[in-house]
């Protein structure tokens, strides 16, 4: 049993630990219910540091998407224990596809477009707390201040980030990105987050990066600057306009730039 899953926690939740499943900000374990009515395998999540309103955004979005017919795992109400919030969700069947050729990448792009067609109808879900749209990130002068403050101690890192920030801003200059509607995006529409069984989608996982943004922002971790076929498949369902095509790379860079600046700033604070 993992040291992070204490006997007291498992007893409170009525669970038995089976195996760690990993994760990034959120951590996951495969567990089994110890209920007399029947042992059921579940996924136990330890939520990463974030406001309760951010957790509620994710739980609400999953409920809405599930109601549209998408196979997602609904997260139970979080339980607080030992300074963390914990939730359980059902185990979804299936396995990720092994990408063998470009046709499977295009199929993933079409699937993303179909999800966006549904989530674009969600108009009443406020932005996830702590998140903002890509063009807002690129316009933030605080990034410039961070780069200036850390340049003396991390000159090479600052040079690389500043190069990308300057070119991203140049690329979107004159584009009306703020006029593009916000829709809830999944945030990591990657192969390992899509489960299939007998050729059918049986699981859409990991809404840790979900937020309201320009739909092009969902290409970031699905495209990764490499898998053009994902975008080609997307356009088979939802053709992109000229400005949307021009914005793909700078929007992808935006999250990377913000994350890099935060890490450099954190490094400076830790050294101090």
C-alpha atoms as a PDB file:
ATOM      1  CA  UNK A   1       0.000   0.000   0.000  1.00  0.00           C
ATOM      2  CA  UNK A   2       1.296   3.460  -0.871  1.00  0.00           C
ATOM      3  CA  UNK A   3       2.434   5.569   2.073  1.00  0.00           C
ATOM      4  CA  UNK A   4       0.044   8.255   0.825  1.00  0.00           C
ATOM      5  CA  UNK A   5      -2.947   5.940   1.286  1.00  0.00           C
ATOM      6  CA  UNK A   6      -3.201   5.401   4.998  1.00  0.00           C
ATOM      7  CA  UNK A   7      -5.254   2.678   6.605  1.00  0.00           C
ATOM      8  CA  UNK A   8      -7.345   5.378   8.261  1.00  0.00           C
ATOM      9  CA  UNK A   9      -8.219   7.016   4.927  1.00  0.00           C
ATOM     10  CA  UNK A  10      -9.114   3.691   3.309  1.00  0.00           C
ATOM     11  CA  UNK A  11     -11.238   2.754   6.306  1.00  0.00           C
ATOM     12  CA  UNK A  12     -13.133   6.053   6.166  1.00  0.00           C
ATOM     13  CA  UNK A  13     -13.811   5.611   2.453  1.00  0.00           C
ATOM     14  CA  UNK A  14     -14.548   1.897   2.726  1.00  0.00           C
ATOM     15  CA  UNK A  15     -11.853   0.988   0.216  1.00  0.00           C
ATOM     16  CA  UNK A  16      -8.967  -1.405  -0.286  1.00  0.00           C
ATOM     17  CA  UNK A  17      -5.904  -0.284  -2.250  1.00  0.00           C
ATOM     18  CA  UNK A  18      -4.929  -2.302  -5.337  1.00  0.00           C
ATOM     19  CA  UNK A  19      -2.343  -0.340  -7.324  1.00  0.00           C
ATOM     20  CA  UNK A  20      -1.061   3.212  -7.950  1.00  0.00           C
ATOM     21  CA  UNK A  21      -2.096   4.729 -11.298  1.00  0.00           C
ATOM     22  CA  UNK A  22       0.091   7.837 -11.285  1.00  0.00           C
ATOM     23  CA  UNK A  23      -0.902  11.317 -12.402  1.00  0.00           C
ATOM     24  CA  UNK A  24       0.444  14.859 -12.556  1.00  0.00           C
ATOM     25  CA  UNK A  25      -1.195  17.463 -10.352  1.00  0.00           C
ATOM     26  CA  UNK A  26      -3.831  14.925  -9.320  1.00  0.00           C
ATOM     27  CA  UNK A  27      -2.731  11.466  -8.163  1.00  0.00           C
ATOM     28  CA  UNK A  28      -4.718   8.270  -8.741  1.00  0.00           C
ATOM     29  CA  UNK A  29      -4.959   4.743  -7.343  1.00  0.00           C
ATOM     30  CA  UNK A  30      -6.942   1.688  -8.349  1.00  0.00           C
ATOM     31  CA  UNK A  31      -8.994   0.623  -5.338  1.00  0.00           C
ATOM     32  CA  UNK A  32     -11.790  -1.777  -4.523  1.00  0.00           C
ATOM     33  CA  UNK A  33     -14.879  -1.153  -2.459  1.00  0.00           C
ATOM     34  CA  UNK A  34     -15.021  -3.171   0.727  1.00  0.00           C
ATOM     35  CA  UNK A  35     -18.811  -2.995   0.857  1.00  0.00           C
ATOM     36  CA  UNK A  36     -20.658  -6.183   1.752  1.00  0.00           C
ATOM     37  CA  UNK A  37     -23.059  -5.546  -1.112  1.00  0.00           C
ATOM     38  CA  UNK A  38     -20.308  -6.347  -3.581  1.00  0.00           C
ATOM     39  CA  UNK A  39     -16.697  -5.407  -4.192  1.00  0.00           C
ATOM     40  CA  UNK A  40     -16.395  -2.863  -6.999  1.00  0.00           C
ATOM     41  CA  UNK A  41     -13.195  -1.499  -8.494  1.00  0.00           C
ATOM     42  CA  UNK A  42     -12.913   2.282  -8.531  1.00  0.00           C
ATOM     43  CA  UNK A  43     -10.355   4.993  -9.152  1.00  0.00           C
ATOM     44  CA  UNK A  44      -9.399   7.049  -6.122  1.00  0.00           C
ATOM     45  CA  UNK A  45      -8.148  10.569  -6.797  1.00  0.00           C
ATOM     46  CA  UNK A  46      -6.168  12.845  -4.519  1.00  0.00           C
ATOM     47  CA  UNK A  47      -6.847  16.322  -5.860  1.00  0.00           C
ATOM     48  CA  UNK A  48      -3.859  18.571  -6.375  1.00  0.00           C
ATOM     49  CA  UNK A  49      -3.717  22.052  -4.818  1.00  0.00           C
ATOM     50  CA  UNK A  50      -6.513  24.170  -6.298  1.00  0.00           C
ATOM     51  CA  UNK A  51      -9.565  26.056  -5.069  1.00  0.00           C
ATOM     52  CA  UNK A  52     -12.762  24.140  -4.429  1.00  0.00           C
ATOM     53  CA  UNK A  53     -14.385  26.147  -7.239  1.00  0.00           C
ATOM     54  CA  UNK A  54     -11.870  24.700  -9.722  1.00  0.00           C
ATOM     55  CA  UNK A  55     -12.746  21.180  -8.610  1.00  0.00           C
ATOM     56  CA  UNK A  56     -16.424  21.989  -8.960  1.00  0.00           C
ATOM     57  CA  UNK A  57     -15.816  23.271 -12.505  1.00  0.00           C
ATOM     58  CA  UNK A  58     -14.304  19.929 -13.502  1.00  0.00           C
ATOM     59  CA  UNK A  59     -17.008  17.880 -11.813  1.00  0.00           C
ATOM     60  CA  UNK A  60     -19.763  19.991 -13.367  1.00  0.00           C
ATOM     61  CA  UNK A  61     -18.250  19.816 -16.854  1.00  0.00           C
ATOM     62  CA  UNK A  62     -17.978  16.036 -16.632  1.00  0.00           C
ATOM     63  CA  UNK A  63     -21.620  15.768 -15.588  1.00  0.00           C
ATOM     64  CA  UNK A  64     -22.678  17.943 -18.526  1.00  0.00           C
ATOM     65  CA  UNK A  65     -20.589  15.971 -21.017  1.00  0.00           C
ATOM     66  CA  UNK A  66     -21.826  12.665 -19.633  1.00  0.00           C
ATOM     67  CA  UNK A  67     -25.412  13.846 -20.168  1.00  0.00           C
ATOM     68  CA  UNK A  68     -24.526  14.384 -23.842  1.00  0.00           C
ATOM     69  CA  UNK A  69     -23.614  10.711 -24.164  1.00  0.00           C
ATOM     70  CA  UNK A  70     -19.833  10.863 -23.808  1.00  0.00           C
ATOM     71  CA  UNK A  71     -18.225   8.025 -21.801  1.00  0.00           C
ATOM     72  CA  UNK A  72     -16.672   9.912 -18.903  1.00  0.00           C
ATOM     73  CA  UNK A  73     -16.125   8.935 -15.282  1.00  0.00           C
ATOM     74  CA  UNK A  74     -18.218  11.025 -12.935  1.00  0.00           C
ATOM     75  CA  UNK A  75     -16.299  12.150  -9.842  1.00  0.00           C
ATOM     76  CA  UNK A  76     -17.999  11.804  -6.484  1.00  0.00           C
ATOM     77  CA  UNK A  77     -18.212  14.646  -3.977  1.00  0.00           C
ATOM     78  CA  UNK A  78     -14.710  15.235  -2.541  1.00  0.00           C
ATOM     79  CA  UNK A  79     -13.909  14.137   1.009  1.00  0.00           C
ATOM     80  CA  UNK A  80     -11.297  16.036   3.010  1.00  0.00           C
ATOM     81  CA  UNK A  81      -8.656  14.038   4.847  1.00  0.00           C
ATOM     82  CA  UNK A  82      -5.190  14.950   6.101  1.00  0.00           C
ATOM     83  CA  UNK A  83      -5.084  18.257   4.238  1.00  0.00           C
ATOM     84  CA  UNK A  84      -6.157  16.839   0.863  1.00  0.00           C
ATOM     85  CA  UNK A  85      -9.411  16.338  -1.018  1.00  0.00           C
ATOM     86  CA  UNK A  86     -10.219  12.835  -2.262  1.00  0.00           C
ATOM     87  CA  UNK A  87     -12.818  11.581  -4.760  1.00  0.00           C
ATOM     88  CA  UNK A  88     -13.721   8.245  -6.284  1.00  0.00           C
ATOM     89  CA  UNK A  89     -14.953   7.533  -9.782  1.00  0.00           C
ATOM     90  CA  UNK A  90     -15.875   4.377 -11.706  1.00  0.00           C
ATOM     91  CA  UNK A  91     -13.334   2.430 -13.734  1.00  0.00           C
ATOM     92  CA  UNK A  92     -14.070   2.803 -17.446  1.00  0.00           C
ATOM     93  CA  UNK A  93     -13.542  -0.177 -19.774  1.00  0.00           C
ATOM     94  CA  UNK A  94     -11.200  -0.298 -22.735  1.00  0.00           C
ATOM     95  CA  UNK A  95      -7.617   0.574 -23.556  1.00  0.00           C
ATOM     96  CA  UNK A  96      -5.832   3.384 -25.435  1.00  0.00           C
ATOM     97  CA  UNK A  97      -5.302   2.770 -29.127  1.00  0.00           C
ATOM     98  CA  UNK A  98      -1.840   2.139 -30.443  1.00  0.00           C
ATOM     99  CA  UNK A  99      -1.382   4.726 -33.210  1.00  0.00           C
ATOM    100  CA  UNK A 100      -0.281   2.788 -36.247  1.00  0.00           C
ATOM    101  CA  UNK A 101      -0.893   5.241 -39.068  1.00  0.00           C
ATOM    102  CA  UNK A 102      -2.101   8.726 -39.942  1.00  0.00           C
ATOM    103  CA  UNK A 103      -5.705   7.577 -40.335  1.00  0.00           C
ATOM    104  CA  UNK A 104      -5.922   7.033 -36.568  1.00  0.00           C
ATOM    105  CA  UNK A 105      -4.556  10.515 -35.917  1.00  0.00           C
ATOM    106  CA  UNK A 106      -7.189  11.991 -38.237  1.00  0.00           C
ATOM    107  CA  UNK A 107      -9.857   9.946 -36.459  1.00  0.00           C
ATOM    108  CA  UNK A 108      -8.757  11.526 -33.171  1.00  0.00           C
ATOM    109  CA  UNK A 109      -9.077  14.980 -34.743  1.00  0.00           C
ATOM    110  CA  UNK A 110     -12.607  14.199 -35.917  1.00  0.00           C
ATOM    111  CA  UNK A 111     -13.505  12.965 -32.445  1.00  0.00           C
ATOM    112  CA  UNK A 112     -12.236  16.194 -30.899  1.00  0.00           C
ATOM    113  CA  UNK A 113     -14.335  18.223 -33.335  1.00  0.00           C
ATOM    114  CA  UNK A 114     -17.394  16.188 -32.369  1.00  0.00           C
ATOM    115  CA  UNK A 115     -16.722  16.884 -28.686  1.00  0.00           C
ATOM    116  CA  UNK A 116     -16.375  20.603 -29.431  1.00  0.00           C
ATOM    117  CA  UNK A 117     -19.661  20.556 -31.320  1.00  0.00           C
ATOM    118  CA  UNK A 118     -21.292  19.436 -28.080  1.00  0.00           C
ATOM    119  CA  UNK A 119     -19.346  21.556 -25.586  1.00  0.00           C
ATOM    120  CA  UNK A 120     -19.905  24.687 -27.675  1.00  0.00           C
ATOM    121  CA  UNK A 121     -23.513  24.446 -26.531  1.00  0.00           C
ATOM    122  CA  UNK A 122     -22.463  24.908 -22.889  1.00  0.00           C
ATOM    123  CA  UNK A 123     -22.854  28.659 -22.473  1.00  0.00           C
ATOM    124  CA  UNK A 124     -23.417  29.034 -18.722  1.00  0.00           C
ATOM    125  CA  UNK A 125     -20.232  27.559 -17.255  1.00  0.00           C
ATOM    126  CA  UNK A 126     -17.923  30.319 -15.976  1.00  0.00           C
ATOM    127  CA  UNK A 127     -14.187  30.149 -16.580  1.00  0.00           C
ATOM    128  CA  UNK A 128     -12.320  27.657 -14.436  1.00  0.00           C
ATOM    129  CA  UNK A 129     -10.691  29.571 -11.572  1.00  0.00           C
ATOM    130  CA  UNK A 130      -6.971  30.096 -12.086  1.00  0.00           C
ATOM    131  CA  UNK A 131      -7.177  29.769 -15.880  1.00  0.00           C
ATOM    132  CA  UNK A 132      -7.379  32.269 -18.724  1.00  0.00           C
ATOM    133  CA  UNK A 133      -7.495  32.245 -22.491  1.00  0.00           C
ATOM    134  CA  UNK A 134      -4.311  31.892 -24.531  1.00  0.00           C
ATOM    135  CA  UNK A 135      -4.337  35.414 -25.974  1.00  0.00           C
ATOM    136  CA  UNK A 136      -4.714  36.820 -22.451  1.00  0.00           C
ATOM    137  CA  UNK A 137      -1.561  34.966 -21.446  1.00  0.00           C
ATOM    138  CA  UNK A 138       0.420  36.378 -24.378  1.00  0.00           C
ATOM    139  CA  UNK A 139      -0.759  39.922 -23.621  1.00  0.00           C
ATOM    140  CA  UNK A 140       0.236  39.731 -19.956  1.00  0.00           C
ATOM    141  CA  UNK A 141       3.083  42.159 -19.221  1.00  0.00           C
ATOM    142  CA  UNK A 142       3.812  40.256 -16.012  1.00  0.00           C
ATOM    143  CA  UNK A 143       5.584  37.686 -18.179  1.00  0.00           C
ATOM    144  CA  UNK A 144       8.013  40.372 -19.338  1.00  0.00           C
ATOM    145  CA  UNK A 145       8.689  41.369 -15.733  1.00  0.00           C
ATOM    146  CA  UNK A 146       9.403  37.770 -14.744  1.00  0.00           C
ATOM    147  CA  UNK A 147      11.820  37.375 -17.645  1.00  0.00           C
ATOM    148  CA  UNK A 148      13.615  40.589 -16.698  1.00  0.00           C
ATOM    149  CA  UNK A 149      13.826  39.590 -13.035  1.00  0.00           C
ATOM    150  CA  UNK A 150      15.257  36.130 -13.749  1.00  0.00           C
ATOM    151  CA  UNK A 151      17.549  36.993 -16.660  1.00  0.00           C
ATOM    152  CA  UNK A 152      20.657  37.451 -14.504  1.00  0.00           C
ATOM    153  CA  UNK A 153      20.381  33.995 -12.955  1.00  0.00           C
ATOM    154  CA  UNK A 154      18.826  32.062 -15.871  1.00  0.00           C
ATOM    155  CA  UNK A 155      20.015  33.863 -19.021  1.00  0.00           C
ATOM    156  CA  UNK A 156      19.722  30.950 -21.465  1.00  0.00           C
ATOM    157  CA  UNK A 157      16.241  29.959 -20.295  1.00  0.00           C
ATOM    158  CA  UNK A 158      15.081  33.572 -20.515  1.00  0.00           C
ATOM    159  CA  UNK A 159      16.516  33.929 -24.010  1.00  0.00           C
ATOM    160  CA  UNK A 160      14.561  30.905 -25.255  1.00  0.00           C
ATOM    161  CA  UNK A 161      11.280  31.889 -23.612  1.00  0.00           C
ATOM    162  CA  UNK A 162      11.553  35.520 -24.720  1.00  0.00           C
ATOM    163  CA  UNK A 163      12.225  34.389 -28.316  1.00  0.00           C
ATOM    164  CA  UNK A 164       9.013  32.357 -28.335  1.00  0.00           C
ATOM    165  CA  UNK A 165       6.998  35.053 -26.549  1.00  0.00           C
ATOM    166  CA  UNK A 166       8.065  37.755 -29.014  1.00  0.00           C
ATOM    167  CA  UNK A 167       7.245  35.601 -32.036  1.00  0.00           C
ATOM    168  CA  UNK A 168       3.922  34.451 -30.623  1.00  0.00           C
ATOM    169  CA  UNK A 169       2.887  38.057 -30.053  1.00  0.00           C
ATOM    170  CA  UNK A 170       4.039  38.992 -33.541  1.00  0.00           C
ATOM    171  CA  UNK A 171       2.092  36.084 -35.035  1.00  0.00           C
ATOM    172  CA  UNK A 172      -1.213  37.029 -33.407  1.00  0.00           C
ATOM    173  CA  UNK A 173      -0.853  40.786 -33.975  1.00  0.00           C
ATOM    174  CA  UNK A 174      -3.859  41.840 -36.010  1.00  0.00           C
ATOM    175  CA  UNK A 175      -5.777  38.627 -35.349  1.00  0.00           C
ATOM    176  CA  UNK A 176      -9.099  39.038 -33.607  1.00  0.00           C
ATOM    177  CA  UNK A 177      -8.625  36.167 -31.198  1.00  0.00           C
ATOM    178  CA  UNK A 178     -10.680  37.804 -28.478  1.00  0.00           C
ATOM    179  CA  UNK A 179     -13.672  37.609 -30.810  1.00  0.00           C
ATOM    180  CA  UNK A 180     -13.398  33.816 -30.986  1.00  0.00           C
ATOM    181  CA  UNK A 181     -15.978  32.266 -28.648  1.00  0.00           C
ATOM    182  CA  UNK A 182     -14.895  30.419 -25.550  1.00  0.00           C
ATOM    183  CA  UNK A 183     -15.964  26.807 -25.234  1.00  0.00           C
ATOM    184  CA  UNK A 184     -15.123  24.233 -22.570  1.00  0.00           C
ATOM    185  CA  UNK A 185     -12.129  22.239 -23.843  1.00  0.00           C
ATOM    186  CA  UNK A 186     -10.790  18.966 -22.464  1.00  0.00           C
ATOM    187  CA  UNK A 187      -7.179  20.188 -22.502  1.00  0.00           C
ATOM    188  CA  UNK A 188      -5.286  16.931 -23.121  1.00  0.00           C
ATOM    189  CA  UNK A 189      -6.979  15.111 -25.994  1.00  0.00           C
ATOM    190  CA  UNK A 190      -4.116  12.644 -26.281  1.00  0.00           C
ATOM    191  CA  UNK A 191      -4.098   8.953 -27.199  1.00  0.00           C
ATOM    192  CA  UNK A 192      -3.630   7.770 -23.614  1.00  0.00           C
ATOM    193  CA  UNK A 193      -6.782   9.623 -22.510  1.00  0.00           C
ATOM    194  CA  UNK A 194      -9.055   7.886 -25.019  1.00  0.00           C
ATOM    195  CA  UNK A 195     -10.167   4.312 -24.278  1.00  0.00           C
ATOM    196  CA  UNK A 196     -11.604   1.983 -26.900  1.00  0.00           C
ATOM    197  CA  UNK A 197     -13.217  -1.428 -26.834  1.00  0.00           C
ATOM    198  CA  UNK A 198     -14.202  -3.314 -29.982  1.00  0.00           C
ATOM    199  CA  UNK A 199     -13.542  -0.169 -32.003  1.00  0.00           C
ATOM    200  CA  UNK A 200     -15.884   1.985 -29.905  1.00  0.00           C
ATOM    201  CA  UNK A 201     -14.923   4.879 -27.634  1.00  0.00           C
ATOM    202  CA  UNK A 202     -15.511   3.701 -24.064  1.00  0.00           C
ATOM    203  CA  UNK A 203     -13.636   6.308 -22.046  1.00  0.00           C
ATOM    204  CA  UNK A 204     -12.615   9.960 -22.208  1.00  0.00           C
ATOM    205  CA  UNK A 205     -10.213  10.591 -19.336  1.00  0.00           C
ATOM    206  CA  UNK A 206      -8.326  13.387 -17.591  1.00  0.00           C
ATOM    207  CA  UNK A 207     -10.036  16.776 -17.385  1.00  0.00           C
ATOM    208  CA  UNK A 208      -7.257  18.196 -15.208  1.00  0.00           C
ATOM    209  CA  UNK A 209      -6.478  20.851 -17.859  1.00  0.00           C
ATOM    210  CA  UNK A 210     -10.092  21.507 -18.865  1.00  0.00           C
ATOM    211  CA  UNK A 211     -11.131  25.163 -19.035  1.00  0.00           C
ATOM    212  CA  UNK A 212     -12.958  27.669 -21.233  1.00  0.00           C
ATOM    213  CA  UNK A 213     -10.818  28.762 -24.174  1.00  0.00           C
ATOM    214  CA  UNK A 214     -10.592  29.252 -27.901  1.00  0.00           C
ATOM    215  CA  UNK A 215     -11.278  25.828 -29.440  1.00  0.00           C
ATOM    216  CA  UNK A 216      -7.837  25.970 -31.105  1.00  0.00           C
ATOM    217  CA  UNK A 217      -6.275  25.767 -27.624  1.00  0.00           C
ATOM    218  CA  UNK A 218      -7.361  22.125 -27.463  1.00  0.00           C
ATOM    219  CA  UNK A 219      -4.852  21.306 -30.203  1.00  0.00           C
ATOM    220  CA  UNK A 220      -1.937  22.049 -27.867  1.00  0.00           C
ATOM    221  CA  UNK A 221      -1.386  18.600 -26.379  1.00  0.00           C
ATOM    222  CA  UNK A 222      -3.237  16.730 -29.121  1.00  0.00           C
ATOM    223  CA  UNK A 223      -1.124  18.226 -31.931  1.00  0.00           C
ATOM    224  CA  UNK A 224       2.143  18.952 -30.040  1.00  0.00           C
ATOM    225  CA  UNK A 225       3.604  20.647 -33.095  1.00  0.00           C
ATOM    226  CA  UNK A 226       3.983  17.257 -34.777  1.00  0.00           C
ATOM    227  CA  UNK A 227       0.710  15.497 -35.493  1.00  0.00           C
ATOM    228  CA  UNK A 228      -0.705  17.586 -38.333  1.00  0.00           C
ATOM    229  CA  UNK A 229      -3.114  14.767 -39.146  1.00  0.00           C
ATOM    230  CA  UNK A 230      -5.035  15.553 -35.949  1.00  0.00           C
ATOM    231  CA  UNK A 231      -5.791  19.028 -37.280  1.00  0.00           C
ATOM    232  CA  UNK A 232      -6.571  17.623 -40.728  1.00  0.00           C
ATOM    233  CA  UNK A 233      -9.113  15.247 -39.200  1.00  0.00           C
ATOM    234  CA  UNK A 234     -10.610  18.059 -37.139  1.00  0.00           C
ATOM    235  CA  UNK A 235     -11.123  20.117 -40.285  1.00  0.00           C
ATOM    236  CA  UNK A 236     -13.038  17.272 -41.889  1.00  0.00           C
ATOM    237  CA  UNK A 237     -15.750  18.052 -39.324  1.00  0.00           C
ATOM    238  CA  UNK A 238     -15.094  21.708 -38.463  1.00  0.00           C
ATOM    239  CA  UNK A 239     -13.016  23.650 -41.035  1.00  0.00           C
ATOM    240  CA  UNK A 240     -10.777  26.307 -39.513  1.00  0.00           C
ATOM    241  CA  UNK A 241     -10.702  29.845 -40.841  1.00  0.00           C
ATOM    242  CA  UNK A 242      -7.457  31.590 -41.892  1.00  0.00           C
ATOM    243  CA  UNK A 243      -7.041  33.362 -38.536  1.00  0.00           C
ATOM    244  CA  UNK A 244      -7.620  30.141 -36.613  1.00  0.00           C
ATOM    245  CA  UNK A 245      -4.917  28.387 -38.636  1.00  0.00           C
ATOM    246  CA  UNK A 246      -2.461  31.223 -38.022  1.00  0.00           C
ATOM    247  CA  UNK A 247      -3.179  31.090 -34.297  1.00  0.00           C
ATOM    248  CA  UNK A 248      -2.504  27.368 -33.755  1.00  0.00           C
ATOM    249  CA  UNK A 249       1.227  27.660 -33.002  1.00  0.00           C
ATOM    250  CA  UNK A 250       1.170  30.814 -30.820  1.00  0.00           C
ATOM    251  CA  UNK A 251      -1.800  29.474 -28.845  1.00  0.00           C
ATOM    252  CA  UNK A 252       0.116  26.236 -28.291  1.00  0.00           C
ATOM    253  CA  UNK A 253       3.146  28.214 -27.148  1.00  0.00           C
ATOM    254  CA  UNK A 254       1.105  30.377 -24.754  1.00  0.00           C
ATOM    255  CA  UNK A 255       0.629  27.702 -22.092  1.00  0.00           C
ATOM    256  CA  UNK A 256       4.245  26.557 -22.439  1.00  0.00           C
ATOM    257  CA  UNK A 257       5.500  30.127 -22.022  1.00  0.00           C
ATOM    258  CA  UNK A 258       3.353  30.766 -18.958  1.00  0.00           C
ATOM    259  CA  UNK A 259       4.436  27.498 -17.363  1.00  0.00           C
ATOM    260  CA  UNK A 260       8.113  28.225 -18.071  1.00  0.00           C
ATOM    261  CA  UNK A 261       7.841  31.703 -16.543  1.00  0.00           C
ATOM    262  CA  UNK A 262       6.172  30.326 -13.426  1.00  0.00           C
ATOM    263  CA  UNK A 263       8.891  27.715 -13.027  1.00  0.00           C
ATOM    264  CA  UNK A 264      11.660  30.295 -13.457  1.00  0.00           C
ATOM    265  CA  UNK A 265      10.008  32.594 -10.936  1.00  0.00           C
ATOM    266  CA  UNK A 266       9.593  29.713  -8.497  1.00  0.00           C
ATOM    267  CA  UNK A 267      13.245  28.815  -8.921  1.00  0.00           C
ATOM    268  CA  UNK A 268      14.257  32.377  -8.077  1.00  0.00           C
ATOM    269  CA  UNK A 269      12.019  32.386  -4.980  1.00  0.00           C
ATOM    270  CA  UNK A 270      13.379  29.019  -3.833  1.00  0.00           C
ATOM    271  CA  UNK A 271      16.956  30.277  -4.211  1.00  0.00           C
ATOM    272  CA  UNK A 272      16.111  33.343  -2.183  1.00  0.00           C
END
